[in-house]
Amino acid sequence: MTNLPQLTVGEAVLYPRERAVGLIYEVYERGPGERPGVQLLLSDGRHLSGFSAEEAYRFRQPLGHTGLRYEFTHVGQLHADYHRGLFAAALATARLLAGFQDPRYLGSSQKTE
């Protein structure tokens, strides 16, 4: 197993497969001897779950920490928290960090209802 940096809640990431900016909203245990997995929240409100540490490093590009502290309880709460703007500041920071690599990521994409 290679030495990969530790994954933490609040890290901003680029998800090139979707040309999207996101946040790690949960780091979870996968089993004895396995590295933790992560779940991502994209700036448009979609959540992607079930990335092993190795998959996370293969499919996403780390940008830096946003200062977000979040304790995931369930998807319904995540959805409600997104729509009430809990992630807005962290996603703005994520877009700014992404914009240093590609200015097209600077636009706002959080939906409001």
PDB file of N, CA and C in Angstrom:
ATOM      1  N   MET A   1       0.859  -1.184   0.000  1.00  0.00           N
ATOM      2  CA  MET A   1       0.000   0.000   0.000  1.00  0.00           C
ATOM      3  C   MET A   1       0.898   1.237   0.000  1.00  0.00           C
ATOM      4  N   THR A   2       0.566   2.201  -0.813  1.00  0.00           N
ATOM      5  CA  THR A   2       1.346   3.426  -0.883  1.00  0.00           C
ATOM      6  C   THR A   2       0.960   4.352   0.255  1.00  0.00           C
ATOM      7  N   ASN A   3       1.861   5.267   0.599  1.00  0.00           N
ATOM      8  CA  ASN A   3       1.570   6.253   1.635  1.00  0.00           C
ATOM      9  C   ASN A   3       0.825   7.422   1.010  1.00  0.00           C
ATOM     10  N   LEU A   4      -0.464   7.501   1.289  1.00  0.00           N
ATOM     11  CA  LEU A   4      -1.296   8.589   0.790  1.00  0.00           C
ATOM     12  C   LEU A   4      -1.569   9.544   1.938  1.00  0.00           C
ATOM     13  N   PRO A   5      -1.665  10.843   1.659  1.00  0.00           N
ATOM     14  CA  PRO A   5      -1.987  11.793   2.723  1.00  0.00           C
ATOM     15  C   PRO A   5      -3.347  11.469   3.340  1.00  0.00           C
ATOM     16  N   GLN A   6      -3.514  11.852   4.596  1.00  0.00           N
ATOM     17  CA  GLN A   6      -4.781  11.619   5.281  1.00  0.00           C
ATOM     18  C   GLN A   6      -5.888  12.478   4.680  1.00  0.00           C
ATOM     19  N   LEU A   7      -7.048  11.899   4.510  1.00  0.00           N
ATOM     20  CA  LEU A   7      -8.223  12.599   3.995  1.00  0.00           C
ATOM     21  C   LEU A   7      -8.987  13.181   5.177  1.00  0.00           C
ATOM     22  N   THR A   8      -9.469  14.429   5.046  1.00  0.00           N
ATOM     23  CA  THR A   8     -10.182  15.053   6.155  1.00  0.00           C
ATOM     24  C   THR A   8     -11.449  15.757   5.682  1.00  0.00           C
ATOM     25  N   VAL A   9     -12.437  15.784   6.564  1.00  0.00           N
ATOM     26  CA  VAL A   9     -13.671  16.517   6.303  1.00  0.00           C
ATOM     27  C   VAL A   9     -13.326  17.987   6.110  1.00  0.00           C
ATOM     28  N   GLY A  10     -13.923  18.603   5.104  1.00  0.00           N
ATOM     29  CA  GLY A  10     -13.695  20.013   4.820  1.00  0.00           C
ATOM     30  C   GLY A  10     -12.678  20.278   3.732  1.00  0.00           C
ATOM     31  N   GLU A  11     -12.009  19.228   3.244  1.00  0.00           N
ATOM     32  CA  GLU A  11     -11.059  19.427   2.145  1.00  0.00           C
ATOM     33  C   GLU A  11     -11.811  19.742   0.860  1.00  0.00           C
ATOM     34  N   ALA A  12     -11.323  20.724   0.135  1.00  0.00           N
ATOM     35  CA  ALA A  12     -11.859  21.051  -1.187  1.00  0.00           C
ATOM     36  C   ALA A  12     -11.191  20.147  -2.211  1.00  0.00           C
ATOM     37  N   VAL A  13     -11.973  19.728  -3.197  1.00  0.00           N
ATOM     38  CA  VAL A  13     -11.449  18.857  -4.239  1.00  0.00           C
ATOM     39  C   VAL A  13     -12.006  19.265  -5.597  1.00  0.00           C
ATOM     40  N   LEU A  14     -11.228  18.989  -6.617  1.00  0.00           N
ATOM     41  CA  LEU A  14     -11.729  19.034  -7.992  1.00  0.00           C
ATOM     42  C   LEU A  14     -12.116  17.607  -8.342  1.00  0.00           C
ATOM     43  N   TYR A  15     -13.242  17.460  -8.972  1.00  0.00           N
ATOM     44  CA  TYR A  15     -13.676  16.154  -9.451  1.00  0.00           C
ATOM     45  C   TYR A  15     -13.726  16.255 -10.973  1.00  0.00           C
ATOM     46  N   PRO A  16     -12.570  16.039 -11.641  1.00  0.00           N
ATOM     47  CA  PRO A  16     -12.460  16.279 -13.081  1.00  0.00           C
ATOM     48  C   PRO A  16     -13.470  15.505 -13.925  1.00  0.00           C
ATOM     49  N   ARG A  17     -13.861  14.334 -13.467  1.00  0.00           N
ATOM     50  CA  ARG A  17     -14.815  13.527 -14.227  1.00  0.00           C
ATOM     51  C   ARG A  17     -16.107  14.305 -14.492  1.00  0.00           C
ATOM     52  N   GLU A  18     -16.510  15.152 -13.553  1.00  0.00           N
ATOM     53  CA  GLU A  18     -17.724  15.968 -13.682  1.00  0.00           C
ATOM     54  C   GLU A  18     -17.402  17.444 -13.919  1.00  0.00           C
ATOM     55  N   ARG A  19     -16.125  17.789 -14.012  1.00  0.00           N
ATOM     56  CA  ARG A  19     -15.687  19.196 -14.061  1.00  0.00           C
ATOM     57  C   ARG A  19     -16.373  19.972 -12.944  1.00  0.00           C
ATOM     58  N   ALA A  20     -16.281  19.427 -11.733  1.00  0.00           N
ATOM     59  CA  ALA A  20     -16.985  19.988 -10.585  1.00  0.00           C
ATOM     60  C   ALA A  20     -16.036  20.197  -9.414  1.00  0.00           C
ATOM     61  N   VAL A  21     -16.434  21.133  -8.569  1.00  0.00           N
ATOM     62  CA  VAL A  21     -15.734  21.403  -7.314  1.00  0.00           C
ATOM     63  C   VAL A  21     -16.567  20.773  -6.210  1.00  0.00           C
ATOM     64  N   GLY A  22     -15.900  20.233  -5.212  1.00  0.00           N
ATOM     65  CA  GLY A  22     -16.637  19.619  -4.111  1.00  0.00           C
ATOM     66  C   GLY A  22     -15.889  19.673  -2.805  1.00  0.00           C
ATOM     67  N   LEU A  23     -16.530  19.080  -1.797  1.00  0.00           N
ATOM     68  CA  LEU A  23     -15.986  19.014  -0.443  1.00  0.00           C
ATOM     69  C   LEU A  23     -16.077  17.581   0.062  1.00  0.00           C
ATOM     70  N   ILE A  24     -15.097  17.182   0.849  1.00  0.00           N
ATOM     71  CA  ILE A  24     -15.239  15.929   1.583  1.00  0.00           C
ATOM     72  C   ILE A  24     -16.140  16.231   2.772  1.00  0.00           C
ATOM     73  N   TYR A  25     -17.290  15.548   2.857  1.00  0.00           N
ATOM     74  CA  TYR A  25     -18.201  15.787   3.976  1.00  0.00           C
ATOM     75  C   TYR A  25     -18.193  14.653   4.988  1.00  0.00           C
ATOM     76  N   GLU A  26     -17.583  13.519   4.630  1.00  0.00           N
ATOM     77  CA  GLU A  26     -17.454  12.434   5.596  1.00  0.00           C
ATOM     78  C   GLU A  26     -16.244  11.589   5.250  1.00  0.00           C
ATOM     79  N   VAL A  27     -15.532  11.183   6.281  1.00  0.00           N
ATOM     80  CA  VAL A  27     -14.470  10.187   6.186  1.00  0.00           C
ATOM     81  C   VAL A  27     -14.948   9.025   7.048  1.00  0.00           C
ATOM     82  N   TYR A  28     -14.982   7.827   6.503  1.00  0.00           N
ATOM     83  CA  TYR A  28     -15.537   6.694   7.243  1.00  0.00           C
ATOM     84  C   TYR A  28     -14.585   5.499   7.217  1.00  0.00           C
ATOM     85  N   GLU A  29     -14.689   4.673   8.246  1.00  0.00           N
ATOM     86  CA  GLU A  29     -13.874   3.465   8.350  1.00  0.00           C
ATOM     87  C   GLU A  29     -14.400   2.412   7.389  1.00  0.00           C
ATOM     88  N   ARG A  30     -13.482   1.669   6.782  1.00  0.00           N
ATOM     89  CA  ARG A  30     -13.869   0.642   5.816  1.00  0.00           C
ATOM     90  C   ARG A  30     -13.625  -0.764   6.323  1.00  0.00           C
ATOM     91  N   GLY A  31     -12.758  -0.933   7.283  1.00  0.00           N
ATOM     92  CA  GLY A  31     -12.480  -2.268   7.800  1.00  0.00           C
ATOM     93  C   GLY A  31     -11.057  -2.368   8.298  1.00  0.00           C
ATOM     94  N   PRO A  32     -10.756  -3.439   9.026  1.00  0.00           N
ATOM     95  CA  PRO A  32      -9.412  -3.622   9.576  1.00  0.00           C
ATOM     96  C   PRO A  32      -8.351  -3.620   8.476  1.00  0.00           C
ATOM     97  N   GLY A  33      -7.333  -2.831   8.673  1.00  0.00           N
ATOM     98  CA  GLY A  33      -6.223  -2.772   7.732  1.00  0.00           C
ATOM     99  C   GLY A  33      -6.487  -1.975   6.471  1.00  0.00           C
ATOM    100  N   GLU A  34      -7.672  -1.409   6.322  1.00  0.00           N
ATOM    101  CA  GLU A  34      -7.989  -0.613   5.129  1.00  0.00           C
ATOM    102  C   GLU A  34      -7.978   0.867   5.464  1.00  0.00           C
ATOM    103  N   ARG A  35      -7.584   1.661   4.483  1.00  0.00           N
ATOM    104  CA  ARG A  35      -7.628   3.116   4.665  1.00  0.00           C
ATOM    105  C   ARG A  35      -9.077   3.577   4.638  1.00  0.00           C
ATOM    106  N   PRO A  36      -9.383   4.674   5.325  1.00  0.00           N
ATOM    107  CA  PRO A  36     -10.762   5.183   5.334  1.00  0.00           C
ATOM    108  C   PRO A  36     -11.234   5.568   3.936  1.00  0.00           C
ATOM    109  N   GLY A  37     -12.537   5.576   3.761  1.00  0.00           N
ATOM    110  CA  GLY A  37     -13.161   6.043   2.531  1.00  0.00           C
ATOM    111  C   GLY A  37     -13.712   7.443   2.729  1.00  0.00           C
ATOM    112  N   VAL A  38     -14.157   8.064   1.645  1.00  0.00           N
ATOM    113  CA  VAL A  38     -14.705   9.423   1.731  1.00  0.00           C
ATOM    114  C   VAL A  38     -15.997   9.530   0.939  1.00  0.00           C
ATOM    115  N   GLN A  39     -16.777  10.540   1.303  1.00  0.00           N
ATOM    116  CA  GLN A  39     -17.967  10.924   0.559  1.00  0.00           C
ATOM    117  C   GLN A  39     -17.802  12.390   0.192  1.00  0.00           C
ATOM    118  N   LEU A  40     -18.219  12.739  -1.032  1.00  0.00           N
ATOM    119  CA  LEU A  40     -18.051  14.098  -1.546  1.00  0.00           C
ATOM    120  C   LEU A  40     -19.396  14.774  -1.764  1.00  0.00           C
ATOM    121  N   LEU A  41     -19.432  16.070  -1.505  1.00  0.00           N
ATOM    122  CA  LEU A  41     -20.567  16.924  -1.834  1.00  0.00           C
ATOM    123  C   LEU A  41     -20.098  17.863  -2.932  1.00  0.00           C
ATOM    124  N   LEU A  42     -20.744  17.797  -4.097  1.00  0.00           N
ATOM    125  CA  LEU A  42     -20.385  18.692  -5.196  1.00  0.00           C
ATOM    126  C   LEU A  42     -21.094  20.024  -5.024  1.00  0.00           C
ATOM    127  N   SER A  43     -20.572  21.050  -5.669  1.00  0.00           N
ATOM    128  CA  SER A  43     -21.102  22.403  -5.477  1.00  0.00           C
ATOM    129  C   SER A  43     -22.540  22.559  -5.959  1.00  0.00           C
ATOM    130  N   ASP A  44     -23.022  21.639  -6.799  1.00  0.00           N
ATOM    131  CA  ASP A  44     -24.421  21.716  -7.242  1.00  0.00           C
ATOM    132  C   ASP A  44     -25.366  20.939  -6.325  1.00  0.00           C
ATOM    133  N   GLY A  45     -24.838  20.403  -5.220  1.00  0.00           N
ATOM    134  CA  GLY A  45     -25.667  19.718  -4.236  1.00  0.00           C
ATOM    135  C   GLY A  45     -25.694  18.207  -4.355  1.00  0.00           C
ATOM    136  N   ARG A  46     -25.132  17.665  -5.423  1.00  0.00           N
ATOM    137  CA  ARG A  46     -25.086  16.200  -5.538  1.00  0.00           C
ATOM    138  C   ARG A  46     -24.054  15.649  -4.575  1.00  0.00           C
ATOM    139  N   HIS A  47     -24.340  14.479  -4.024  1.00  0.00           N
ATOM    140  CA  HIS A  47     -23.349  13.840  -3.164  1.00  0.00           C
ATOM    141  C   HIS A  47     -22.896  12.535  -3.808  1.00  0.00           C
ATOM    142  N   LEU A  48     -21.604  12.286  -3.695  1.00  0.00           N
ATOM    143  CA  LEU A  48     -20.991  11.085  -4.244  1.00  0.00           C
ATOM    144  C   LEU A  48     -20.422  10.312  -3.070  1.00  0.00           C
ATOM    145  N   SER A  49     -20.778   9.055  -2.968  1.00  0.00           N
ATOM    146  CA  SER A  49     -20.324   8.299  -1.807  1.00  0.00           C
ATOM    147  C   SER A  49     -19.544   7.070  -2.220  1.00  0.00           C
ATOM    148  N   GLY A  50     -18.827   6.548  -1.262  1.00  0.00           N
ATOM    149  CA  GLY A  50     -18.180   5.273  -1.441  1.00  0.00           C
ATOM    150  C   GLY A  50     -16.845   5.271  -2.141  1.00  0.00           C
ATOM    151  N   PHE A  51     -16.035   6.311  -1.973  1.00  0.00           N
ATOM    152  CA  PHE A  51     -14.688   6.310  -2.538  1.00  0.00           C
ATOM    153  C   PHE A  51     -13.713   5.730  -1.522  1.00  0.00           C
ATOM    154  N   SER A  52     -12.968   4.703  -1.904  1.00  0.00           N
ATOM    155  CA  SER A  52     -11.855   4.275  -1.061  1.00  0.00           C
ATOM    156  C   SER A  52     -10.793   5.367  -1.130  1.00  0.00           C
ATOM    157  N   ALA A  53      -9.825   5.327  -0.230  1.00  0.00           N
ATOM    158  CA  ALA A  53      -8.754   6.329  -0.259  1.00  0.00           C
ATOM    159  C   ALA A  53      -8.029   6.297  -1.601  1.00  0.00           C
ATOM    160  N   GLU A  54      -7.778   5.107  -2.106  1.00  0.00           N
ATOM    161  CA  GLU A  54      -7.076   4.978  -3.380  1.00  0.00           C
ATOM    162  C   GLU A  54      -7.910   5.545  -4.530  1.00  0.00           C
ATOM    163  N   GLU A  55      -9.202   5.246  -4.547  1.00  0.00           N
ATOM    164  CA  GLU A  55     -10.083   5.806  -5.582  1.00  0.00           C
ATOM    165  C   GLU A  55     -10.178   7.320  -5.459  1.00  0.00           C
ATOM    166  N   ALA A  56     -10.259   7.799  -4.234  1.00  0.00           N
ATOM    167  CA  ALA A  56     -10.355   9.244  -4.015  1.00  0.00           C
ATOM    168  C   ALA A  56      -9.145   9.953  -4.604  1.00  0.00           C
ATOM    169  N   TYR A  57      -7.965   9.376  -4.434  1.00  0.00           N
ATOM    170  CA  TYR A  57      -6.769  10.017  -4.979  1.00  0.00           C
ATOM    171  C   TYR A  57      -6.664   9.846  -6.484  1.00  0.00           C
ATOM    172  N   ARG A  58      -7.278   8.812  -7.022  1.00  0.00           N
ATOM    173  CA  ARG A  58      -7.235   8.601  -8.467  1.00  0.00           C
ATOM    174  C   ARG A  58      -8.248   9.486  -9.195  1.00  0.00           C
ATOM    175  N   PHE A  59      -9.424   9.727  -8.585  1.00  0.00           N
ATOM    176  CA  PHE A  59     -10.517  10.419  -9.268  1.00  0.00           C
ATOM    177  C   PHE A  59     -10.744  11.857  -8.837  1.00  0.00           C
ATOM    178  N   ARG A  60     -10.014  12.330  -7.860  1.00  0.00           N
ATOM    179  CA  ARG A  60     -10.209  13.709  -7.431  1.00  0.00           C
ATOM    180  C   ARG A  60      -8.859  14.363  -7.212  1.00  0.00           C
ATOM    181  N   GLN A  61      -8.858  15.674  -7.279  1.00  0.00           N
ATOM    182  CA  GLN A  61      -7.630  16.446  -7.143  1.00  0.00           C
ATOM    183  C   GLN A  61      -7.767  17.334  -5.905  1.00  0.00           C
ATOM    184  N   PRO A  62      -6.933  17.119  -4.876  1.00  0.00           N
ATOM    185  CA  PRO A  62      -7.053  17.925  -3.657  1.00  0.00           C
ATOM    186  C   PRO A  62      -6.654  19.375  -3.902  1.00  0.00           C
ATOM    187  N   LEU A  63      -7.372  20.282  -3.245  1.00  0.00           N
ATOM    188  CA  LEU A  63      -7.113  21.717  -3.399  1.00  0.00           C
ATOM    189  C   LEU A  63      -6.647  22.376  -2.113  1.00  0.00           C
ATOM    190  N   GLY A  64      -7.045  21.846  -0.977  1.00  0.00           N
ATOM    191  CA  GLY A  64      -6.713  22.447   0.311  1.00  0.00           C
ATOM    192  C   GLY A  64      -7.930  22.429   1.222  1.00  0.00           C
ATOM    193  N   HIS A  65      -7.718  22.799   2.446  1.00  0.00           N
ATOM    194  CA  HIS A  65      -8.806  22.772   3.430  1.00  0.00           C
ATOM    195  C   HIS A  65      -9.587  24.079   3.400  1.00  0.00           C
ATOM    196  N   THR A  66     -10.897  23.979   3.602  1.00  0.00           N
ATOM    197  CA  THR A  66     -11.790  25.143   3.550  1.00  0.00           C
ATOM    198  C   THR A  66     -12.152  25.685   4.923  1.00  0.00           C
ATOM    199  N   GLY A  67     -11.795  24.965   5.977  1.00  0.00           N
ATOM    200  CA  GLY A  67     -12.198  25.370   7.324  1.00  0.00           C
ATOM    201  C   GLY A  67     -13.523  24.772   7.757  1.00  0.00           C
ATOM    202  N   LEU A  68     -14.180  24.032   6.872  1.00  0.00           N
ATOM    203  CA  LEU A  68     -15.465  23.415   7.193  1.00  0.00           C
ATOM    204  C   LEU A  68     -15.293  22.332   8.243  1.00  0.00           C
ATOM    205  N   ARG A  69     -16.158  22.388   9.240  1.00  0.00           N
ATOM    206  CA  ARG A  69     -16.282  21.295  10.211  1.00  0.00           C
ATOM    207  C   ARG A  69     -17.714  20.798  10.080  1.00  0.00           C
ATOM    208  N   TYR A  70     -17.871  19.503   9.868  1.00  0.00           N
ATOM    209  CA  TYR A  70     -19.209  18.964   9.637  1.00  0.00           C
ATOM    210  C   TYR A  70     -19.263  17.545  10.155  1.00  0.00           C
ATOM    211  N   GLU A  71     -20.362  17.213  10.809  1.00  0.00           N
ATOM    212  CA  GLU A  71     -20.580  15.844  11.261  1.00  0.00           C
ATOM    213  C   GLU A  71     -21.778  15.279  10.508  1.00  0.00           C
ATOM    214  N   PHE A  72     -21.502  14.359   9.605  1.00  0.00           N
ATOM    215  CA  PHE A  72     -22.540  13.749   8.780  1.00  0.00           C
ATOM    216  C   PHE A  72     -23.400  12.829   9.634  1.00  0.00           C
ATOM    217  N   THR A  73     -24.728  12.961   9.499  1.00  0.00           N
ATOM    218  CA  THR A  73     -25.647  12.062  10.198  1.00  0.00           C
ATOM    219  C   THR A  73     -26.418  11.192   9.211  1.00  0.00           C
ATOM    220  N   HIS A  74     -27.006  11.809   8.182  1.00  0.00           N
ATOM    221  CA  HIS A  74     -27.715  11.056   7.146  1.00  0.00           C
ATOM    222  C   HIS A  74     -27.923  11.966   5.934  1.00  0.00           C
ATOM    223  N   VAL A  75     -28.263  11.354   4.811  1.00  0.00           N
ATOM    224  CA  VAL A  75     -28.372  12.081   3.545  1.00  0.00           C
ATOM    225  C   VAL A  75     -29.453  13.157   3.595  1.00  0.00           C
ATOM    226  N   GLY A  76     -30.555  12.901   4.276  1.00  0.00           N
ATOM    227  CA  GLY A  76     -31.610  13.914   4.393  1.00  0.00           C
ATOM    228  C   GLY A  76     -31.113  15.169   5.078  1.00  0.00           C
ATOM    229  N   GLN A  77     -30.315  14.996   6.132  1.00  0.00           N
ATOM    230  CA  GLN A  77     -29.753  16.153   6.834  1.00  0.00           C
ATOM    231  C   GLN A  77     -28.736  16.868   5.951  1.00  0.00           C
ATOM    232  N   LEU A  78     -27.925  16.113   5.220  1.00  0.00           N
ATOM    233  CA  LEU A  78     -26.959  16.712   4.293  1.00  0.00           C
ATOM    234  C   LEU A  78     -27.688  17.583   3.275  1.00  0.00           C
ATOM    235  N   HIS A  79     -28.756  17.061   2.704  1.00  0.00           N
ATOM    236  CA  HIS A  79     -29.555  17.798   1.719  1.00  0.00           C
ATOM    237  C   HIS A  79     -30.116  19.083   2.334  1.00  0.00           C
ATOM    238  N   ALA A  80     -30.688  18.978   3.525  1.00  0.00           N
ATOM    239  CA  ALA A  80     -31.247  20.159   4.205  1.00  0.00           C
ATOM    240  C   ALA A  80     -30.154  21.175   4.513  1.00  0.00           C
ATOM    241  N   ASP A  81     -29.009  20.699   4.984  1.00  0.00           N
ATOM    242  CA  ASP A  81     -27.899  21.603   5.305  1.00  0.00           C
ATOM    243  C   ASP A  81     -27.401  22.321   4.055  1.00  0.00           C
ATOM    244  N   TYR A  82     -27.328  21.609   2.939  1.00  0.00           N
ATOM    245  CA  TYR A  82     -26.916  22.229   1.680  1.00  0.00           C
ATOM    246  C   TYR A  82     -27.889  23.344   1.294  1.00  0.00           C
ATOM    247  N   HIS A  83     -29.177  23.042   1.333  1.00  0.00           N
ATOM    248  CA  HIS A  83     -30.180  24.014   0.880  1.00  0.00           C
ATOM    249  C   HIS A  83     -30.357  25.188   1.833  1.00  0.00           C
ATOM    250  N   ARG A  84     -29.953  25.040   3.076  1.00  0.00           N
ATOM    251  CA  ARG A  84     -30.012  26.204   3.972  1.00  0.00           C
ATOM    252  C   ARG A  84     -28.694  26.983   3.966  1.00  0.00           C
ATOM    253  N   GLY A  85     -27.751  26.588   3.113  1.00  0.00           N
ATOM    254  CA  GLY A  85     -26.531  27.360   2.906  1.00  0.00           C
ATOM    255  C   GLY A  85     -25.377  27.041   3.826  1.00  0.00           C
ATOM    256  N   LEU A  86     -25.452  25.939   4.558  1.00  0.00           N
ATOM    257  CA  LEU A  86     -24.387  25.603   5.499  1.00  0.00           C
ATOM    258  C   LEU A  86     -23.027  25.448   4.814  1.00  0.00           C
ATOM    259  N   PHE A  87     -23.019  24.981   3.582  1.00  0.00           N
ATOM    260  CA  PHE A  87     -21.769  24.722   2.862  1.00  0.00           C
ATOM    261  C   PHE A  87     -21.350  25.875   1.952  1.00  0.00           C
ATOM    262  N   ALA A  88     -22.133  26.945   1.897  1.00  0.00           N
ATOM    263  CA  ALA A  88     -21.892  28.028   0.933  1.00  0.00           C
ATOM    264  C   ALA A  88     -20.496  28.631   1.061  1.00  0.00           C
ATOM    265  N   ALA A  89     -20.070  28.962   2.270  1.00  0.00           N
ATOM    266  CA  ALA A  89     -18.746  29.580   2.449  1.00  0.00           C
ATOM    267  C   ALA A  89     -17.631  28.607   2.073  1.00  0.00           C
ATOM    268  N   ALA A  90     -17.767  27.347   2.480  1.00  0.00           N
ATOM    269  CA  ALA A  90     -16.740  26.356   2.162  1.00  0.00           C
ATOM    270  C   ALA A  90     -16.679  26.103   0.656  1.00  0.00           C
ATOM    271  N   LEU A  91     -17.835  26.065  -0.005  1.00  0.00           N
ATOM    272  CA  LEU A  91     -17.841  25.869  -1.456  1.00  0.00           C
ATOM    273  C   LEU A  91     -17.288  27.085  -2.190  1.00  0.00           C
ATOM    274  N   ALA A  92     -17.526  28.284  -1.663  1.00  0.00           N
ATOM    275  CA  ALA A  92     -16.929  29.488  -2.259  1.00  0.00           C
ATOM    276  C   ALA A  92     -15.410  29.422  -2.146  1.00  0.00           C
ATOM    277  N   THR A  93     -14.919  28.979  -0.992  1.00  0.00           N
ATOM    278  CA  THR A  93     -13.470  28.805  -0.811  1.00  0.00           C
ATOM    279  C   THR A  93     -12.949  27.748  -1.775  1.00  0.00           C
ATOM    280  N   ALA A  94     -13.692  26.659  -1.928  1.00  0.00           N
ATOM    281  CA  ALA A  94     -13.287  25.592  -2.851  1.00  0.00           C
ATOM    282  C   ALA A  94     -13.201  26.115  -4.281  1.00  0.00           C
ATOM    283  N   ARG A  95     -14.198  26.915  -4.696  1.00  0.00           N
ATOM    284  CA  ARG A  95     -14.161  27.485  -6.057  1.00  0.00           C
ATOM    285  C   ARG A  95     -12.972  28.423  -6.225  1.00  0.00           C
ATOM    286  N   LEU A  96     -12.667  29.191  -5.188  1.00  0.00           N
ATOM    287  CA  LEU A  96     -11.509  30.086  -5.252  1.00  0.00           C
ATOM    288  C   LEU A  96     -10.224  29.277  -5.395  1.00  0.00           C
ATOM    289  N   LEU A  97     -10.079  28.239  -4.581  1.00  0.00           N
ATOM    290  CA  LEU A  97      -8.892  27.384  -4.681  1.00  0.00           C
ATOM    291  C   LEU A  97      -8.808  26.730  -6.062  1.00  0.00           C
ATOM    292  N   ALA A  98      -9.937  26.289  -6.588  1.00  0.00           N
ATOM    293  CA  ALA A  98      -9.960  25.673  -7.924  1.00  0.00           C
ATOM    294  C   ALA A  98      -9.632  26.697  -8.999  1.00  0.00           C
ATOM    295  N   GLY A  99     -10.057  27.942  -8.786  1.00  0.00           N
ATOM    296  CA  GLY A  99      -9.818  29.007  -9.755  1.00  0.00           C
ATOM    297  C   GLY A  99      -8.354  29.317  -9.963  1.00  0.00           C
ATOM    298  N   PHE A 100      -7.518  28.999  -8.973  1.00  0.00           N
ATOM    299  CA  PHE A 100      -6.078  29.184  -9.146  1.00  0.00           C
ATOM    300  C   PHE A 100      -5.540  28.206 -10.186  1.00  0.00           C
ATOM    301  N   GLN A 101      -6.224  27.083 -10.374  1.00  0.00           N
ATOM    302  CA  GLN A 101      -5.804  26.096 -11.368  1.00  0.00           C
ATOM    303  C   GLN A 101      -6.509  26.295 -12.705  1.00  0.00           C
ATOM    304  N   ASP A 102      -7.763  26.747 -12.653  1.00  0.00           N
ATOM    305  CA  ASP A 102      -8.544  26.951 -13.874  1.00  0.00           C
ATOM    306  C   ASP A 102      -9.619  27.991 -13.572  1.00  0.00           C
ATOM    307  N   PRO A 103      -9.523  29.194 -14.136  1.00  0.00           N
ATOM    308  CA  PRO A 103     -10.469  30.278 -13.816  1.00  0.00           C
ATOM    309  C   PRO A 103     -11.937  29.947 -14.065  1.00  0.00           C
ATOM    310  N   ARG A 104     -12.233  28.943 -14.879  1.00  0.00           N
ATOM    311  CA  ARG A 104     -13.640  28.581 -15.128  1.00  0.00           C
ATOM    312  C   ARG A 104     -14.346  28.061 -13.883  1.00  0.00           C
ATOM    313  N   TYR A 105     -13.578  27.654 -12.870  1.00  0.00           N
ATOM    314  CA  TYR A 105     -14.182  27.149 -11.636  1.00  0.00           C
ATOM    315  C   TYR A 105     -14.618  28.264 -10.692  1.00  0.00           C
ATOM    316  N   LEU A 106     -14.339  29.517 -11.004  1.00  0.00           N
ATOM    317  CA  LEU A 106     -14.666  30.618 -10.100  1.00  0.00           C
ATOM    318  C   LEU A 106     -16.151  30.932 -10.039  1.00  0.00           C
ATOM    319  N   GLY A 107     -16.938  30.539 -11.027  1.00  0.00           N
ATOM    320  CA  GLY A 107     -18.371  30.835 -11.047  1.00  0.00           C
ATOM    321  C   GLY A 107     -19.121  30.114  -9.949  1.00  0.00           C
ATOM    322  N   SER A 108     -20.206  30.719  -9.498  1.00  0.00           N
ATOM    323  CA  SER A 108     -21.043  30.109  -8.466  1.00  0.00           C
ATOM    324  C   SER A 108     -21.922  29.044  -9.086  1.00  0.00           C
ATOM    325  N   SER A 109     -22.037  27.900  -8.409  1.00  0.00           N
ATOM    326  CA  SER A 109     -22.921  26.863  -8.928  1.00  0.00           C
ATOM    327  C   SER A 109     -23.828  26.284  -7.855  1.00  0.00           C
ATOM    328  N   GLN A 110     -23.852  26.873  -6.651  1.00  0.00           N
ATOM    329  CA  GLN A 110     -24.769  26.362  -5.641  1.00  0.00           C
ATOM    330  C   GLN A 110     -26.169  26.835  -5.979  1.00  0.00           C
ATOM    331  N   LYS A 111     -27.095  25.893  -6.068  1.00  0.00           N
ATOM    332  CA  LYS A 111     -28.482  26.201  -6.410  1.00  0.00           C
ATOM    333  C   LYS A 111     -29.214  26.693  -5.172  1.00  0.00           C
ATOM    334  N   THR A 112     -30.180  27.550  -5.379  1.00  0.00           N
ATOM    335  CA  THR A 112     -31.043  27.976  -4.286  1.00  0.00           C
ATOM    336  C   THR A 112     -32.469  27.602  -4.638  1.00  0.00           C
ATOM    337  N   GLU A 113     -33.248  27.269  -3.626  1.00  0.00           N
ATOM    338  CA  GLU A 113     -34.648  26.904  -3.870  1.00  0.00           C
ATOM    339  C   GLU A 113     -35.527  27.754  -3.008  1.00  0.00           C
TER     340      GLU A 113
END
